[in-house]
Amino acid sequence: MTGRQRALLGVIVGVTLAVVAAVGVPMNTLADSIRGVRPEAVLGVSAIFLTQQALRAARQRLLAEGLGPRGSFAEHHAVLCMSFFFINTLPARLGELARPWLLQRRVGLPIGAGVAVVLTERLFDLSAALIMLQLALVSAPMPEATISLGDREVSLASLARGLALTVLLPASLGALALGLTGERLVGLGLRGLGAARRRAPDHLKTVLPTC
């Protein structure tokens, strides 16, 4: 399939999905909403989205280094855009399962390495989301409301800030550390399992995996 044919197919699919999404929507309301769109806002959001996609593609390419073929920035950007299409089309973010396959098909990265890239990205995203939630809970104004815990009245603000410091902070740091050192931890675990197998009695060696 040539580039022009792929572009035409993309336009056809996009128009078809737009028509399906508009089914049941009052046309007058839709037209009023379109007329009320501010071009500068659309351009600003589009620029932010394109920048975000470029940074995500660069991150994906960096994480894939050493796991297989490096691939070009354009290849990783194409894989990322196609995976987002599947994520937005399929329910429950099942489109994430397409990215390892796309990485294998377009970049030549093994399926297992593609899964590792996706999981590592999600660990970084989780840690970033938890850190932002902590900052919001600690710095944002909270309502002066209380809830009953047993025979005590506890301030919601104090409870939320305590949750941010005692639960969310360790969880975000743990997710970040796992994303940064996951390969080392896996290697350490495999070495420990290998040492345990060598020292285990003969009747247990048969049930321990070889490392």
Protein backbone atom coordinates (compact mmCIF):
# COMPACT_ATOMS: atom_id res chain seq x y z
CA MET A 1 0.00 0.00 0.00
CA THR A 2 1.45 3.36 -1.03
CA GLY A 3 1.63 6.41 1.19
CA ARG A 4 -1.18 8.09 -0.74
CA GLN A 5 -3.41 5.04 -0.32
CA ARG A 6 -2.70 4.91 3.42
CA ALA A 7 -3.53 8.61 3.75
CA LEU A 8 -6.79 8.09 1.84
CA LEU A 9 -7.67 5.11 4.02
CA GLY A 10 -6.99 7.19 7.12
CA VAL A 11 -9.31 9.94 5.91
CA ILE A 12 -12.06 7.42 5.11
CA VAL A 13 -11.76 5.76 8.53
CA GLY A 14 -11.72 9.15 10.28
CA VAL A 15 -14.80 10.41 8.46
CA THR A 16 -16.64 7.12 9.08
CA LEU A 17 -15.90 7.23 12.82
CA ALA A 18 -16.95 10.89 12.98
CA VAL A 19 -20.28 10.04 11.32
CA VAL A 20 -20.84 7.13 13.72
CA ALA A 21 -20.04 9.37 16.71
CA ALA A 22 -22.52 11.99 15.47
CA VAL A 23 -25.44 9.53 15.26
CA GLY A 24 -28.19 10.67 17.62
CA VAL A 25 -26.62 14.10 18.21
CA PRO A 26 -28.90 17.05 17.31
CA MET A 27 -27.33 18.73 14.29
CA ASN A 28 -28.28 22.23 15.46
CA THR A 29 -26.49 21.69 18.75
CA LEU A 30 -23.47 20.24 16.96
CA ALA A 31 -23.35 23.18 14.54
CA ASP A 32 -23.58 25.70 17.40
CA SER A 33 -20.75 23.94 19.22
CA ILE A 34 -18.55 23.97 16.11
CA ARG A 35 -19.24 27.68 15.52
CA GLY A 36 -18.33 28.42 19.14
CA VAL A 37 -14.87 26.86 18.85
CA ARG A 38 -12.03 29.35 19.22
CA PRO A 39 -9.30 28.71 16.61
CA GLU A 40 -6.51 29.87 18.93
CA ALA A 41 -7.61 27.37 21.58
CA VAL A 42 -7.67 24.54 19.02
CA LEU A 43 -4.20 25.48 17.77
CA GLY A 44 -2.85 25.66 21.33
CA VAL A 45 -4.26 22.27 22.33
CA SER A 46 -3.04 20.74 19.06
CA ALA A 47 0.48 22.07 19.66
CA ILE A 48 0.49 20.66 23.20
CA PHE A 49 -0.75 17.27 21.96
CA LEU A 50 1.83 17.08 19.16
CA THR A 51 4.62 18.01 21.57
CA GLN A 52 3.42 15.37 24.03
CA GLN A 53 3.33 12.73 21.30
CA ALA A 54 6.86 13.65 20.18
CA LEU A 55 8.15 13.37 23.76
CA ARG A 56 6.38 10.03 24.21
CA ALA A 57 7.91 8.71 20.99
CA ALA A 58 11.37 9.84 22.11
CA ARG A 59 10.84 8.15 25.48
CA GLN A 60 9.67 4.93 23.83
CA ARG A 61 12.72 4.92 21.56
CA LEU A 62 15.02 5.51 24.53
CA LEU A 63 13.45 2.68 26.54
CA ALA A 64 13.74 0.32 23.56
CA GLU A 65 17.51 0.86 23.29
CA GLY A 66 19.43 -2.30 24.08
CA LEU A 67 16.34 -4.50 23.79
CA GLY A 68 16.44 -4.88 20.02
CA PRO A 69 16.65 -2.76 16.86
CA ARG A 70 16.82 0.94 17.72
CA GLY A 71 14.40 2.11 15.06
CA SER A 72 13.96 5.69 13.90
CA PHE A 73 12.01 8.43 15.64
CA ALA A 74 9.46 8.36 12.80
CA GLU A 75 8.88 4.61 13.27
CA HIS A 76 8.35 4.97 17.02
CA HIS A 77 6.07 7.97 16.48
CA ALA A 78 3.99 5.97 13.99
CA VAL A 79 3.71 3.04 16.42
CA LEU A 80 2.62 5.38 19.20
CA CYS A 81 -0.04 7.07 17.08
CA MET A 82 -1.43 3.73 15.87
CA SER A 83 -1.55 2.37 19.41
CA PHE A 84 -3.45 5.46 20.58
CA PHE A 85 -5.95 4.86 17.78
CA PHE A 86 -6.56 1.34 19.13
CA ILE A 87 -6.71 2.62 22.72
CA ASN A 88 -9.39 5.17 21.79
CA THR A 89 -11.31 2.64 19.68
CA LEU A 90 -11.26 -0.49 21.87
CA PRO A 91 -12.78 -0.59 25.38
CA ALA A 92 -10.85 -0.88 28.66
CA ARG A 93 -7.60 0.35 27.04
CA LEU A 94 -7.21 -2.99 25.26
CA GLY A 95 -5.34 -1.05 22.60
CA GLU A 96 -2.27 -1.20 24.87
CA LEU A 97 -1.97 -4.85 23.82
CA ALA A 98 -1.45 -3.75 20.22
CA ARG A 99 1.70 -1.75 20.90
CA PRO A 100 4.10 -4.69 21.48
CA TRP A 101 2.85 -6.23 18.24
CA LEU A 102 3.25 -2.91 16.41
CA LEU A 103 6.76 -2.51 17.81
CA GLN A 104 7.64 -5.96 16.51
CA ARG A 105 6.11 -5.29 13.11
CA ARG A 106 7.42 -1.76 12.51
CA VAL A 107 10.67 -1.65 14.53
CA GLY A 108 11.60 -5.34 14.84
CA LEU A 109 11.51 -5.32 18.65
CA PRO A 110 10.70 -8.71 20.23
CA ILE A 111 7.22 -9.03 21.75
CA GLY A 112 8.62 -9.51 25.26
CA ALA A 113 10.75 -6.39 24.94
CA GLY A 114 7.73 -4.45 23.69
CA VAL A 115 5.71 -5.53 26.73
CA ALA A 116 8.60 -4.44 28.98
CA VAL A 117 8.66 -1.01 27.31
CA VAL A 118 4.91 -0.53 27.85
CA LEU A 119 5.06 -1.65 31.50
CA THR A 120 8.03 0.62 32.23
CA GLU A 121 6.19 3.58 30.68
CA ARG A 122 3.15 2.86 32.82
CA LEU A 123 5.31 2.79 35.97
CA PHE A 124 6.69 6.23 35.11
CA ASP A 125 3.18 7.51 34.34
CA LEU A 126 1.87 6.09 37.62
CA SER A 127 4.63 7.73 39.65
CA ALA A 128 4.03 11.08 37.90
CA ALA A 129 0.26 10.88 38.52
CA LEU A 130 0.80 10.03 42.20
CA ILE A 131 3.24 12.91 42.64
CA MET A 132 0.76 15.37 41.06
CA LEU A 133 -2.00 14.03 43.32
CA GLN A 134 0.23 14.53 46.37
CA LEU A 135 0.96 18.13 45.38
CA ALA A 136 -2.75 18.78 44.93
CA LEU A 137 -3.68 17.26 48.29
CA VAL A 138 -0.93 19.09 50.17
CA SER A 139 -1.24 22.53 48.56
CA ALA A 140 -4.84 22.89 47.41
CA PRO A 141 -7.43 24.45 49.74
CA MET A 142 -9.57 21.77 51.36
CA PRO A 143 -13.13 22.06 52.70
CA GLU A 144 -13.48 22.39 56.45
CA ALA A 145 -15.46 19.18 56.73
CA THR A 146 -15.07 16.27 59.13
CA ILE A 147 -15.97 12.60 59.13
CA SER A 148 -16.54 10.22 62.00
CA LEU A 149 -13.99 7.47 62.54
CA GLY A 150 -15.19 5.49 65.51
CA ASP A 151 -15.59 7.96 68.36
CA ARG A 152 -13.39 10.62 66.76
CA GLU A 153 -14.11 13.48 64.36
CA VAL A 154 -11.35 13.70 61.76
CA SER A 155 -10.77 16.65 59.43
CA LEU A 156 -10.97 15.70 55.76
CA ALA A 157 -8.08 18.07 55.01
CA SER A 158 -5.84 16.41 57.61
CA LEU A 159 -6.87 12.95 56.40
CA ALA A 160 -6.13 13.78 52.76
CA ARG A 161 -2.75 15.32 53.54
CA GLY A 162 -1.83 12.43 55.79
CA LEU A 163 -2.78 10.03 52.99
CA ALA A 164 -0.57 11.97 50.58
CA LEU A 165 2.47 11.76 52.84
CA THR A 166 2.09 8.25 54.24
CA VAL A 167 0.69 6.32 51.27
CA LEU A 168 1.00 8.22 48.00
CA LEU A 169 4.57 9.45 48.52
CA PRO A 170 6.05 5.98 49.18
CA ALA A 171 3.94 4.50 46.38
CA SER A 172 5.10 7.09 43.83
CA LEU A 173 8.74 6.75 44.85
CA GLY A 174 8.43 2.96 44.71
CA ALA A 175 6.92 3.05 41.22
CA LEU A 176 9.63 5.44 40.04
CA ALA A 177 12.40 3.30 41.56
CA LEU A 178 10.95 0.17 39.99
CA GLY A 179 10.83 1.86 36.60
CA LEU A 180 14.45 3.00 36.91
CA THR A 181 15.91 -0.19 38.37
CA GLY A 182 13.48 -2.86 37.18
CA GLU A 183 16.09 -4.59 35.01
CA ARG A 184 18.57 -4.75 37.89
CA LEU A 185 15.92 -6.06 40.27
CA VAL A 186 14.93 -8.79 37.83
CA GLY A 187 18.58 -9.75 37.36
CA LEU A 188 19.13 -9.80 41.12
CA GLY A 189 16.07 -11.98 41.59
CA LEU A 190 17.22 -14.42 38.92
CA ARG A 191 20.68 -14.66 40.49
CA GLY A 192 19.13 -15.28 43.89
CA LEU A 193 16.86 -17.95 42.47
CA GLY A 194 19.83 -19.60 40.76
CA ALA A 195 21.81 -19.61 44.01
CA ALA A 196 18.84 -21.07 45.89
CA ARG A 197 18.50 -23.82 43.29
CA ARG A 198 22.18 -24.75 43.55
CA ARG A 199 21.97 -25.04 47.33
CA ALA A 200 18.57 -26.71 47.49
CA PRO A 201 18.20 -30.43 48.21
CA ASP A 202 17.92 -32.66 45.16
CA HIS A 203 14.20 -33.27 45.62
CA LEU A 204 13.54 -29.49 45.48
CA LYS A 205 15.75 -28.75 42.48
CA THR A 206 13.21 -30.37 40.19
CA VAL A 207 10.55 -27.79 41.10
CA LEU A 208 12.81 -24.72 41.01
CA PRO A 209 13.26 -23.14 37.56
CA THR A 210 16.67 -23.10 35.94
CA CYS A 211 18.18 -19.59 35.73
